[in-house]
Amino acid sequence: KNVEIFDPPVPAFNLDPNIILEKEPFELIYSGESASSVSWVLNAMTYTGLQVSGVEIQHEGDYPLLLSAVDQNGCRGELEAIIEVIRRPTLFIPNAFNPNGYGENRIFRVEGVGVTQAEFWIFDRWGNLLFEANDVNQAMNVGWDGTFKGEKLPQGVYAYRIKATMFTGQEFERLGTITMLR
């Protein structure tokens, strides 16, 4: 009696999108050698099929993935990988700051996660430009200290315009007001 030995399938996969964000659905797409059945184990869940839509992970972190493929001969191939889930990009703009105070609210700056580009402008009530941040470092680290040409400005409400780009390519533009307390 002859015995035939077959090589197991070599599993492979793609993710869509290829950057996985927490709380955002994504697809697992089998791209390996021919398989008659495919199963995926990710985050204590088991999925079946060559393409699985609507997979969602709630928290950032590294998650092990086990991909199993069985071919028409019953041979099984497996692939283990780590799926990195990252925080969703966010942009936070405070509504008040106190340059004379203590702690974190002494400077008005853009805050966020995943911001790759940012710039902002501060205007007085007549539309005069008081401050301009032209790069992400100025916008998120340096910020505005409530002065114009080295002079402290009075307590009041000032207008801002903020433009930011996230690592995902998503762009934000916000217009609003910031209250400066003294």
Protein backbone atom coordinates (compact mmCIF):
# COMPACT_ATOMS: atom_id res chain seq x y z
CA LYS A 1 0.00 0.00 0.00
CA ASN A 2 1.35 3.43 -0.95
CA VAL A 3 1.22 6.31 1.46
CA GLU A 4 1.09 9.82 0.07
CA ILE A 5 2.46 12.66 2.17
CA PHE A 6 1.23 16.15 1.47
CA ASP A 7 2.67 19.43 2.62
CA PRO A 8 0.31 21.35 4.85
CA PRO A 9 -1.04 24.66 3.58
CA VAL A 10 0.97 27.74 4.43
CA PRO A 11 -1.45 30.22 6.00
CA ALA A 12 -1.12 33.97 5.52
CA PHE A 13 -3.45 36.89 6.11
CA ASN A 14 -4.07 40.57 5.57
CA LEU A 15 -5.91 43.07 7.72
CA ASP A 16 -8.24 45.75 6.41
CA PRO A 17 -7.49 48.43 7.39
CA ASN A 18 -3.86 47.58 8.14
CA ILE A 19 -3.81 49.93 11.17
CA ILE A 20 -6.13 48.48 13.82
CA LEU A 21 -7.75 51.00 16.15
CA GLU A 22 -9.52 50.15 19.39
CA LYS A 23 -13.31 50.01 19.08
CA GLU A 24 -13.15 50.16 15.26
CA PRO A 25 -14.25 47.18 13.11
CA PHE A 26 -11.74 45.51 10.83
CA GLU A 27 -11.53 42.47 8.52
CA LEU A 28 -9.38 39.35 8.69
CA ILE A 29 -8.61 38.23 5.13
CA TYR A 30 -7.01 34.85 4.39
CA SER A 31 -4.29 35.19 1.74
CA GLY A 32 -2.44 31.87 2.11
CA GLU A 33 -2.38 28.75 0.00
CA SER A 34 -5.60 27.02 -0.98
CA ALA A 35 -7.60 25.88 2.02
CA SER A 36 -10.96 24.19 2.37
CA SER A 37 -11.50 25.61 5.85
CA VAL A 38 -9.98 28.44 7.81
CA SER A 39 -10.35 29.33 11.48
CA TRP A 40 -9.09 32.30 13.44
CA VAL A 41 -8.67 32.63 17.21
CA LEU A 42 -8.27 36.23 18.39
CA ASN A 43 -9.01 37.80 21.76
CA ALA A 44 -10.67 34.60 23.08
CA MET A 45 -13.04 34.52 20.08
CA THR A 46 -13.09 31.95 17.28
CA TYR A 47 -14.05 32.95 13.74
CA THR A 48 -14.34 30.83 10.58
CA GLY A 49 -14.11 31.70 6.91
CA LEU A 50 -11.69 33.07 4.35
CA GLN A 51 -12.82 36.59 5.16
CA VAL A 52 -14.20 37.71 8.50
CA SER A 53 -15.79 41.17 8.74
CA GLY A 54 -16.77 43.22 11.76
CA VAL A 55 -14.01 42.06 14.11
CA GLU A 56 -13.59 44.62 16.89
CA ILE A 57 -11.28 44.88 19.89
CA GLN A 58 -12.20 47.27 22.68
CA HIS A 59 -8.81 48.11 24.20
CA GLU A 60 -5.37 48.94 22.89
CA GLY A 61 -2.68 46.29 23.26
CA ASP A 62 -1.01 43.33 21.60
CA TYR A 63 -3.32 40.40 20.89
CA PRO A 64 -2.17 36.91 19.81
CA LEU A 65 -3.80 35.55 16.67
CA LEU A 66 -3.84 31.86 15.73
CA LEU A 67 -4.76 31.19 12.10
CA SER A 68 -5.43 27.56 11.08
CA ALA A 69 -5.96 26.39 7.52
CA VAL A 70 -6.98 22.90 6.46
CA ASP A 71 -6.62 21.83 2.82
CA GLN A 72 -8.64 19.32 0.79
CA ASN A 73 -6.35 16.49 2.00
CA GLY A 74 -7.02 17.24 5.65
CA CYS A 75 -3.55 18.71 6.22
CA ARG A 76 -3.43 21.56 8.71
CA GLY A 77 -1.13 24.56 8.64
CA GLU A 78 -0.99 27.16 11.41
CA LEU A 79 0.32 30.66 11.79
CA GLU A 80 0.72 32.62 15.00
CA ALA A 81 0.98 36.39 14.90
CA ILE A 82 0.51 39.42 17.14
CA ILE A 83 -2.12 41.98 16.21
CA GLU A 84 -1.31 45.43 17.56
CA VAL A 85 -4.38 47.46 18.45
CA ILE A 86 -3.71 51.13 19.03
CA ARG A 87 -5.66 53.91 20.62
CA ARG A 88 -8.05 55.80 18.43
CA PRO A 89 -6.60 59.22 17.54
CA THR A 90 -8.17 61.99 19.59
CA LEU A 91 -7.95 65.73 19.75
CA PHE A 92 -8.72 67.70 22.92
CA ILE A 93 -8.98 71.47 23.10
CA PRO A 94 -9.44 73.00 26.56
CA ASN A 95 -12.03 75.76 26.99
CA ALA A 96 -10.10 77.75 29.62
CA PHE A 97 -6.60 78.28 30.98
CA ASN A 98 -4.91 80.39 33.66
CA PRO A 99 -1.42 81.68 32.83
CA ASN A 100 -1.04 82.88 36.44
CA GLY A 101 -2.07 79.54 37.90
CA TYR A 102 -0.27 76.34 38.79
CA GLY A 103 -0.26 72.93 37.18
CA GLU A 104 -1.19 71.91 33.69
CA ASN A 105 -3.56 74.72 32.70
CA ARG A 106 -1.01 77.55 32.64
CA ILE A 107 -0.49 77.18 28.87
CA PHE A 108 -3.12 76.82 26.14
CA ARG A 109 -2.09 73.97 23.86
CA VAL A 110 -3.57 71.29 21.65
CA GLU A 111 -3.72 67.89 23.32
CA GLY A 112 -4.31 64.54 21.73
CA VAL A 113 -3.27 61.04 20.82
CA GLY A 114 -1.95 60.17 17.38
CA VAL A 115 -1.47 63.77 16.21
CA THR A 116 1.27 64.01 13.56
CA GLN A 117 0.74 67.59 12.43
CA ALA A 118 -0.84 70.50 14.26
CA GLU A 119 -0.95 74.24 14.00
CA PHE A 120 -3.09 76.87 15.63
CA TRP A 121 -3.77 80.56 15.73
CA ILE A 122 -5.10 82.80 18.53
CA PHE A 123 -7.03 86.00 17.74
CA ASP A 124 -8.42 88.84 19.82
CA ARG A 125 -12.07 89.92 19.54
CA TRP A 126 -11.21 92.20 16.58
CA GLY A 127 -9.58 89.37 14.61
CA ASN A 128 -5.97 90.44 15.21
CA LEU A 129 -3.50 87.55 15.22
CA LEU A 130 -1.92 87.24 18.68
CA PHE A 131 -0.17 83.88 18.48
CA GLU A 132 0.70 81.29 15.85
CA ALA A 133 2.01 77.73 16.25
CA ASN A 134 3.22 76.32 12.95
CA ASP A 135 4.27 72.80 13.90
CA VAL A 136 3.20 69.94 16.12
CA ASN A 137 5.87 70.69 18.75
CA GLN A 138 4.75 74.31 19.15
CA ALA A 139 1.08 73.38 19.14
CA MET A 140 1.27 70.46 21.59
CA ASN A 141 4.29 71.22 23.78
CA VAL A 142 5.04 74.95 23.74
CA GLY A 143 1.54 76.41 23.37
CA TRP A 144 0.35 79.95 24.10
CA ASP A 145 1.14 81.60 27.44
CA GLY A 146 -1.42 84.43 27.19
CA THR A 147 1.03 87.08 26.01
CA PHE A 148 1.43 89.19 22.88
CA LYS A 149 4.88 90.56 22.04
CA GLY A 150 6.00 89.75 25.58
CA GLU A 151 3.12 91.61 27.28
CA LYS A 152 0.47 89.88 29.36
CA LEU A 153 -2.96 90.15 27.79
CA PRO A 154 -6.04 90.81 29.93
CA GLN A 155 -8.41 88.15 31.14
CA GLY A 156 -11.06 87.48 28.51
CA VAL A 157 -12.29 85.31 25.69
CA TYR A 158 -10.06 84.76 22.66
CA ALA A 159 -10.77 83.00 19.38
CA TYR A 160 -8.73 80.09 18.05
CA ARG A 161 -8.39 78.16 14.82
CA ILE A 162 -6.76 74.74 15.01
CA LYS A 163 -5.77 72.38 12.19
CA ALA A 164 -4.49 68.89 12.99
CA THR A 165 -3.67 65.72 11.08
CA MET A 166 -3.72 62.33 12.74
CA PHE A 167 -1.46 59.37 11.93
CA THR A 168 -4.43 57.81 10.12
CA GLY A 169 -4.50 60.76 7.70
CA GLN A 170 -7.73 62.08 9.21
CA GLU A 171 -7.76 65.88 9.29
CA PHE A 172 -9.47 68.14 11.81
CA GLU A 173 -10.14 71.85 11.73
CA ARG A 174 -11.72 73.50 14.75
CA LEU A 175 -12.81 77.09 15.34
CA GLY A 176 -13.76 78.15 18.84
CA THR A 177 -13.02 80.27 21.85
CA ILE A 178 -10.73 79.91 24.83
CA THR A 179 -11.28 81.77 28.11
CA MET A 180 -8.14 83.14 29.69
CA LEU A 181 -8.42 83.62 33.45
CA ARG A 182 -6.00 85.82 35.40
